[in-house]
C-alpha atoms as a PDB file:
ATOM      1  CA  MET A   1      28.883 -47.567 -28.587  1.00  0.00           C
ATOM      2  CA  PRO A   2      27.148 -50.658 -29.787  1.00  0.00           C
ATOM      3  CA  VAL A   3      24.982 -50.258 -32.980  1.00  0.00           C
ATOM      4  CA  GLN A   4      21.389 -49.080 -32.321  1.00  0.00           C
ATOM      5  CA  ARG A   5      18.642 -50.804 -33.749  1.00  0.00           C
ATOM      6  CA  ALA A   6      16.893 -48.400 -36.365  1.00  0.00           C
ATOM      7  CA  ASP A   7      13.936 -47.592 -33.913  1.00  0.00           C
ATOM      8  CA  ALA A   8      16.312 -46.860 -31.285  1.00  0.00           C
ATOM      9  CA  ARG A   9      18.100 -44.249 -33.471  1.00  0.00           C
ATOM     10  CA  ARG A  10      14.731 -42.987 -34.584  1.00  0.00           C
ATOM     11  CA  ASN A  11      13.502 -42.548 -31.053  1.00  0.00           C
ATOM     12  CA  TYR A  12      16.834 -40.908 -29.795  1.00  0.00           C
ATOM     13  CA  GLY A  13      16.527 -38.608 -32.915  1.00  0.00           C
ATOM     14  CA  LEU A  14      12.953 -37.441 -31.980  1.00  0.00           C
ATOM     15  CA  LEU A  15      13.501 -37.093 -28.398  1.00  0.00           C
ATOM     16  CA  LEU A  16      16.595 -34.939 -29.092  1.00  0.00           C
ATOM     17  CA  ALA A  17      14.460 -32.981 -31.312  1.00  0.00           C
ATOM     18  CA  VAL A  18      11.646 -32.466 -28.939  1.00  0.00           C
ATOM     19  CA  ALA A  19      13.963 -31.891 -26.186  1.00  0.00           C
ATOM     20  CA  LYS A  20      15.401 -28.865 -28.018  1.00  0.00           C
ATOM     21  CA  GLU A  21      12.110 -27.490 -28.845  1.00  0.00           C
ATOM     22  CA  GLU A  22      10.919 -27.984 -25.002  1.00  0.00           C
ATOM     23  CA  ILE A  23      14.208 -26.446 -23.455  1.00  0.00           C
ATOM     24  CA  ALA A  24      13.862 -23.581 -25.937  1.00  0.00           C
ATOM     25  CA  ALA A  25      10.378 -22.760 -24.819  1.00  0.00           C
ATOM     26  CA  HIS A  26      10.382 -24.080 -21.083  1.00  0.00           C
ATOM     27  CA  GLY A  27      14.348 -23.790 -20.237  1.00  0.00           C
ATOM     28  CA  PRO A  28      16.666 -26.324 -18.728  1.00  0.00           C
ATOM     29  CA  GLU A  29      14.101 -27.483 -16.270  1.00  0.00           C
ATOM     30  CA  ALA A  30      11.637 -28.642 -19.397  1.00  0.00           C
ATOM     31  CA  SER A  31       9.903 -31.758 -17.921  1.00  0.00           C
ATOM     32  CA  MET A  32      11.145 -34.764 -19.102  1.00  0.00           C
ATOM     33  CA  GLU A  33       7.799 -36.608 -18.983  1.00  0.00           C
ATOM     34  CA  GLN A  34       6.483 -34.021 -21.264  1.00  0.00           C
ATOM     35  CA  ILE A  35       9.507 -34.558 -23.740  1.00  0.00           C
ATOM     36  CA  ALA A  36       8.638 -38.380 -23.463  1.00  0.00           C
ATOM     37  CA  ARG A  37       4.988 -37.775 -24.006  1.00  0.00           C
ATOM     38  CA  THR A  38       5.582 -35.242 -27.023  1.00  0.00           C
ATOM     39  CA  ALA A  39       7.907 -37.579 -28.638  1.00  0.00           C
ATOM     40  CA  GLY A  40       5.270 -40.422 -28.310  1.00  0.00           C
ATOM     41  CA  VAL A  41       7.544 -42.846 -26.167  1.00  0.00           C
ATOM     42  CA  GLY A  42       7.658 -43.813 -22.879  1.00  0.00           C
ATOM     43  CA  SER A  43       9.790 -42.217 -19.788  1.00  0.00           C
ATOM     44  CA  ALA A  44      11.917 -45.434 -19.741  1.00  0.00           C
ATOM     45  CA  THR A  45      12.587 -45.061 -23.170  1.00  0.00           C
ATOM     46  CA  LEU A  46      13.911 -41.704 -22.277  1.00  0.00           C
ATOM     47  CA  ARG A  47      15.773 -42.501 -19.468  1.00  0.00           C
ATOM     48  CA  ARG A  48      17.570 -45.118 -21.646  1.00  0.00           C
ATOM     49  CA  HIS A  49      18.751 -42.602 -23.866  1.00  0.00           C
ATOM     50  CA  PHE A  50      19.295 -39.796 -21.415  1.00  0.00           C
ATOM     51  CA  PRO A  51      19.861 -41.266 -17.930  1.00  0.00           C
ATOM     52  CA  SER A  52      19.902 -37.866 -16.370  1.00  0.00           C
ATOM     53  CA  ARG A  53      18.723 -34.166 -16.791  1.00  0.00           C
ATOM     54  CA  ARG A  54      22.338 -33.400 -17.264  1.00  0.00           C
ATOM     55  CA  ALA A  55      22.903 -35.932 -20.085  1.00  0.00           C
ATOM     56  CA  LEU A  56      20.070 -34.593 -21.888  1.00  0.00           C
ATOM     57  CA  LEU A  57      20.916 -31.212 -21.795  1.00  0.00           C
ATOM     58  CA  GLU A  58      24.526 -31.943 -22.946  1.00  0.00           C
ATOM     59  CA  ALA A  59      22.955 -33.735 -25.853  1.00  0.00           C
ATOM     60  CA  VAL A  60      20.946 -30.708 -26.787  1.00  0.00           C
ATOM     61  CA  PHE A  61      23.862 -28.569 -26.815  1.00  0.00           C
ATOM     62  CA  ARG A  62      26.615 -30.903 -28.014  1.00  0.00           C
ATOM     63  CA  GLU A  63      26.952 -29.305 -31.438  1.00  0.00           C
ATOM     64  CA  ARG A  64      27.078 -25.377 -29.982  1.00  0.00           C
ATOM     65  CA  VAL A  65      29.680 -26.836 -27.537  1.00  0.00           C
ATOM     66  CA  GLU A  66      31.672 -28.589 -30.363  1.00  0.00           C
ATOM     67  CA  THR A  67      31.318 -25.322 -32.277  1.00  0.00           C
ATOM     68  CA  LEU A  68      32.832 -23.030 -29.559  1.00  0.00           C
ATOM     69  CA  CYS A  69      35.696 -25.877 -28.858  1.00  0.00           C
ATOM     70  CA  ALA A  70      36.505 -25.614 -32.645  1.00  0.00           C
ATOM     71  CA  HIS A  71      36.394 -21.891 -32.351  1.00  0.00           C
ATOM     72  CA  ALA A  72      38.949 -21.868 -29.430  1.00  0.00           C
ATOM     73  CA  ARG A  73      41.321 -24.309 -31.309  1.00  0.00           C
ATOM     74  CA  GLU A  74      41.036 -21.756 -34.181  1.00  0.00           C
ATOM     75  CA  LEU A  75      41.938 -18.640 -32.291  1.00  0.00           C
ATOM     76  CA  THR A  76      45.014 -20.848 -30.355  1.00  0.00           C
ATOM     77  CA  GLY A  77      47.630 -19.524 -33.224  1.00  0.00           C
ATOM     78  CA  ARG A  78      46.668 -15.932 -33.266  1.00  0.00           C
ATOM     79  CA  SER A  79      49.674 -13.630 -32.157  1.00  0.00           C
ATOM     80  CA  ASP A  80      47.505 -11.106 -30.103  1.00  0.00           C
ATOM     81  CA  THR A  81      46.715 -13.579 -27.348  1.00  0.00           C
ATOM     82  CA  ARG A  82      44.435 -11.743 -25.243  1.00  0.00           C
ATOM     83  CA  ALA A  83      42.461 -10.555 -28.256  1.00  0.00           C
ATOM     84  CA  ALA A  84      41.875 -14.168 -29.334  1.00  0.00           C
ATOM     85  CA  LEU A  85      40.819 -15.141 -25.498  1.00  0.00           C
ATOM     86  CA  LEU A  86      38.459 -12.478 -25.451  1.00  0.00           C
ATOM     87  CA  GLU A  87      36.860 -13.438 -28.896  1.00  0.00           C
ATOM     88  CA  TRP A  88      36.450 -16.593 -27.576  1.00  0.00           C
ATOM     89  CA  LEU A  89      34.898 -15.777 -24.329  1.00  0.00           C
ATOM     90  CA  SER A  90      32.542 -13.325 -26.016  1.00  0.00           C
ATOM     91  CA  ALA A  91      31.118 -16.108 -28.227  1.00  0.00           C
ATOM     92  CA  ILE A  92      30.312 -18.351 -25.454  1.00  0.00           C
ATOM     93  CA  VAL A  93      28.897 -15.459 -23.274  1.00  0.00           C
ATOM     94  CA  ALA A  94      26.506 -14.674 -26.262  1.00  0.00           C
ATOM     95  CA  ASP A  95      25.583 -17.960 -27.038  1.00  0.00           C
ATOM     96  CA  ALA A  96      24.796 -18.781 -23.190  1.00  0.00           C
ATOM     97  CA  ALA A  97      22.811 -15.622 -23.025  1.00  0.00           C
ATOM     98  CA  THR A  98      20.913 -16.379 -25.879  1.00  0.00           C
ATOM     99  CA  ILE A  99      20.361 -19.821 -26.211  1.00  0.00           C
ATOM    100  CA  ARG A 100      17.929 -20.972 -23.438  1.00  0.00           C
ATOM    101  CA  GLY A 101      19.282 -23.474 -21.005  1.00  0.00           C
ATOM    102  CA  LEU A 102      23.088 -23.487 -22.252  1.00  0.00           C
ATOM    103  CA  ALA A 103      24.246 -21.465 -19.296  1.00  0.00           C
ATOM    104  CA  THR A 104      22.574 -24.055 -17.089  1.00  0.00           C
ATOM    105  CA  ALA A 105      24.184 -26.845 -18.967  1.00  0.00           C
ATOM    106  CA  LEU A 106      27.482 -25.147 -18.367  1.00  0.00           C
ATOM    107  CA  THR A 107      27.185 -24.994 -14.892  1.00  0.00           C
ATOM    108  CA  LEU A 108      26.505 -28.593 -14.293  1.00  0.00           C
ATOM    109  CA  ASP A 109      29.265 -30.452 -12.500  1.00  0.00           C
ATOM    110  CA  PRO A 110      30.061 -33.896 -13.816  1.00  0.00           C
ATOM    111  CA  THR A 111      31.501 -35.073 -10.176  1.00  0.00           C
ATOM    112  CA  LEU A 112      28.016 -34.325  -8.773  1.00  0.00           C
ATOM    113  CA  ASP A 113      25.810 -36.780  -9.811  1.00  0.00           C
ATOM    114  CA  GLY A 114      26.210 -40.591 -10.978  1.00  0.00           C
ATOM    115  CA  ASP A 115      26.396 -39.570 -14.761  1.00  0.00           C
ATOM    116  CA  ALA A 116      30.012 -38.325 -14.118  1.00  0.00           C
ATOM    117  CA  ALA A 117      31.584 -40.183 -16.967  1.00  0.00           C
ATOM    118  CA  HIS A 118      29.061 -38.636 -19.555  1.00  0.00           C
ATOM    119  CA  GLU A 119      31.330 -38.274 -22.574  1.00  0.00           C
ATOM    120  CA  TYR A 120      29.993 -34.998 -23.605  1.00  0.00           C
ATOM    121  CA  CYS A 121      30.119 -32.932 -20.418  1.00  0.00           C
ATOM    122  CA  CYS A 122      29.849 -29.153 -21.694  1.00  0.00           C
ATOM    123  CA  SER A 123      32.168 -27.560 -19.072  1.00  0.00           C
ATOM    124  CA  ALA A 124      34.939 -30.242 -19.433  1.00  0.00           C
ATOM    125  CA  GLN A 125      34.996 -29.897 -22.856  1.00  0.00           C
ATOM    126  CA  LEU A 126      35.132 -26.007 -22.798  1.00  0.00           C
ATOM    127  CA  THR A 127      37.955 -25.977 -20.356  1.00  0.00           C
ATOM    128  CA  GLU A 128      39.776 -28.382 -22.308  1.00  0.00           C
ATOM    129  CA  ALA A 129      39.312 -26.376 -25.559  1.00  0.00           C
ATOM    130  CA  GLY A 130      39.963 -23.276 -23.439  1.00  0.00           C
ATOM    131  CA  GLU A 131      43.444 -24.153 -21.661  1.00  0.00           C
ATOM    132  CA  PRO A 132      45.618 -23.294 -24.354  1.00  0.00           C
ATOM    133  CA  LEU A 133      44.121 -19.786 -24.934  1.00  0.00           C
ATOM    134  CA  VAL A 134      44.307 -19.014 -21.288  1.00  0.00           C
ATOM    135  CA  ARG A 135      48.045 -20.657 -21.073  1.00  0.00           C
ATOM    136  CA  ARG A 136      49.095 -18.293 -23.846  1.00  0.00           C
ATOM    137  CA  ALA A 137      47.439 -15.283 -22.617  1.00  0.00           C
ATOM    138  CA  ALA A 138      49.091 -15.896 -19.065  1.00  0.00           C
ATOM    139  CA  ASP A 139      52.587 -16.309 -20.935  1.00  0.00           C
ATOM    140  CA  ASP A 140      52.117 -13.185 -22.362  1.00  0.00           C
ATOM    141  CA  GLY A 141      50.913 -11.390 -19.064  1.00  0.00           C
ATOM    142  CA  ALA A 142      47.588 -10.733 -20.830  1.00  0.00           C
ATOM    143  CA  LEU A 143      46.082 -11.970 -17.919  1.00  0.00           C
ATOM    144  CA  ALA A 144      46.197 -11.394 -14.100  1.00  0.00           C
ATOM    145  CA  PRO A 145      48.392 -14.123 -12.483  1.00  0.00           C
ATOM    146  CA  GLY A 146      46.373 -17.106 -11.299  1.00  0.00           C
ATOM    147  CA  VAL A 147      43.193 -16.465 -13.650  1.00  0.00           C
ATOM    148  CA  THR A 148      42.313 -20.103 -14.680  1.00  0.00           C
ATOM    149  CA  VAL A 149      39.675 -21.069 -17.547  1.00  0.00           C
ATOM    150  CA  ALA A 150      37.470 -22.728 -15.109  1.00  0.00           C
ATOM    151  CA  ASP A 151      37.651 -19.079 -13.371  1.00  0.00           C
ATOM    152  CA  LEU A 152      36.418 -17.324 -16.801  1.00  0.00           C
ATOM    153  CA  LEU A 153      33.959 -20.043 -17.712  1.00  0.00           C
ATOM    154  CA  THR A 154      32.385 -19.551 -14.100  1.00  0.00           C
ATOM    155  CA  LEU A 155      32.370 -15.678 -14.925  1.00  0.00           C
ATOM    156  CA  ILE A 156      30.674 -15.860 -17.930  1.00  0.00           C
ATOM    157  CA  THR A 157      28.119 -18.429 -17.197  1.00  0.00           C
ATOM    158  CA  GLY A 158      26.997 -16.129 -14.308  1.00  0.00           C
ATOM    159  CA  ILE A 159      26.947 -13.181 -16.695  1.00  0.00           C
ATOM    160  CA  ALA A 160      24.941 -15.376 -19.176  1.00  0.00           C
ATOM    161  CA  LEU A 161      22.500 -16.468 -16.253  1.00  0.00           C
ATOM    162  CA  ALA A 162      22.064 -12.841 -15.114  1.00  0.00           C
ATOM    163  CA  THR A 163      21.411 -11.264 -18.423  1.00  0.00           C
ATOM    164  CA  GLU A 164      19.382 -14.383 -20.474  1.00  0.00           C
ATOM    165  CA  HIS A 165      15.990 -12.612 -20.004  1.00  0.00           C
ATOM    166  CA  ARG A 166      16.786  -9.092 -20.819  1.00  0.00           C
ATOM    167  CA  PRO A 167      15.428  -7.641 -23.769  1.00  0.00           C
ATOM    168  CA  ASP A 168      19.219  -7.749 -25.469  1.00  0.00           C
ATOM    169  CA  ALA A 169      20.733 -10.341 -23.679  1.00  0.00           C
ATOM    170  CA  ALA A 170      23.739 -10.801 -26.071  1.00  0.00           C
ATOM    171  CA  ALA A 171      24.685  -7.270 -26.036  1.00  0.00           C
ATOM    172  CA  GLU A 172      24.286  -6.993 -22.179  1.00  0.00           C
ATOM    173  CA  ALA A 173      26.172  -9.930 -21.852  1.00  0.00           C
ATOM    174  CA  ASP A 174      28.999  -8.518 -23.746  1.00  0.00           C
ATOM    175  CA  ARG A 175      28.983  -5.470 -22.083  1.00  0.00           C
ATOM    176  CA  LEU A 176      28.947  -6.981 -18.560  1.00  0.00           C
ATOM    177  CA  LEU A 177      32.183  -8.977 -19.906  1.00  0.00           C
ATOM    178  CA  GLY A 178      33.839  -6.258 -20.867  1.00  0.00           C
ATOM    179  CA  LEU A 179      33.281  -4.673 -17.478  1.00  0.00           C
ATOM    180  CA  ALA A 180      34.792  -8.035 -15.984  1.00  0.00           C
ATOM    181  CA  VAL A 181      37.878  -8.170 -18.313  1.00  0.00           C
ATOM    182  CA  ALA A 182      39.003  -4.916 -17.439  1.00  0.00           C
ATOM    183  CA  GLY A 183      39.417  -6.521 -13.812  1.00  0.00           C
ATOM    184  CA  VAL A 184      40.971  -9.967 -15.081  1.00  0.00           C
ATOM    185  CA  SER A 185      42.979  -8.383 -17.855  1.00  0.00           C
ATOM    186  CA  PRO A 186      43.563  -4.679 -18.091  1.00  0.00           C
ATOM    187  CA  LEU A 187      44.537  -3.299 -21.179  1.00  0.00           C
ATOM    188  CA  ARG A 188      48.599  -2.912 -20.924  1.00  0.00           C
ATOM    189  CA  GLY A 189      49.654   0.890 -21.863  1.00  0.00           C
END
């Protein structure tokens, strides 16, 4: 990445801060033009930094997604592979249900827009991070045959989208995840 001028770095930081506030207040469909106006820059400046809504959403949620990915790496060595996978999925569903816009960012397919090469694709990062957890759980017989990390991310994203406006979204999402898990990974007994 080329070195940015000081004003470009300042604009990027300001746009990102304003975008976080606007998305928290208005959801993932927050007006990009309003973000630019509030930041005191033109739409072209916003588009230079964030060429698509997806690029903006991924930048807003980058830190949280990186934390979830690091959590997956930490859990990979645990001996109880089912518990490790479920802990990671619970963390994702809790965040996605309570951090406005995150679930939508997770549903975006990088192959569906011209910005497919964007390096911070939320779903791609989580898929890569979760793959070892899913593989280990499958190898241990803790997952139904054929269940993929993409399946699980789709499932929890759906749960998060369905519960994000509930009074206790995280608890409701976790409860629904528990119901779903009983189908994909029944307790061995």
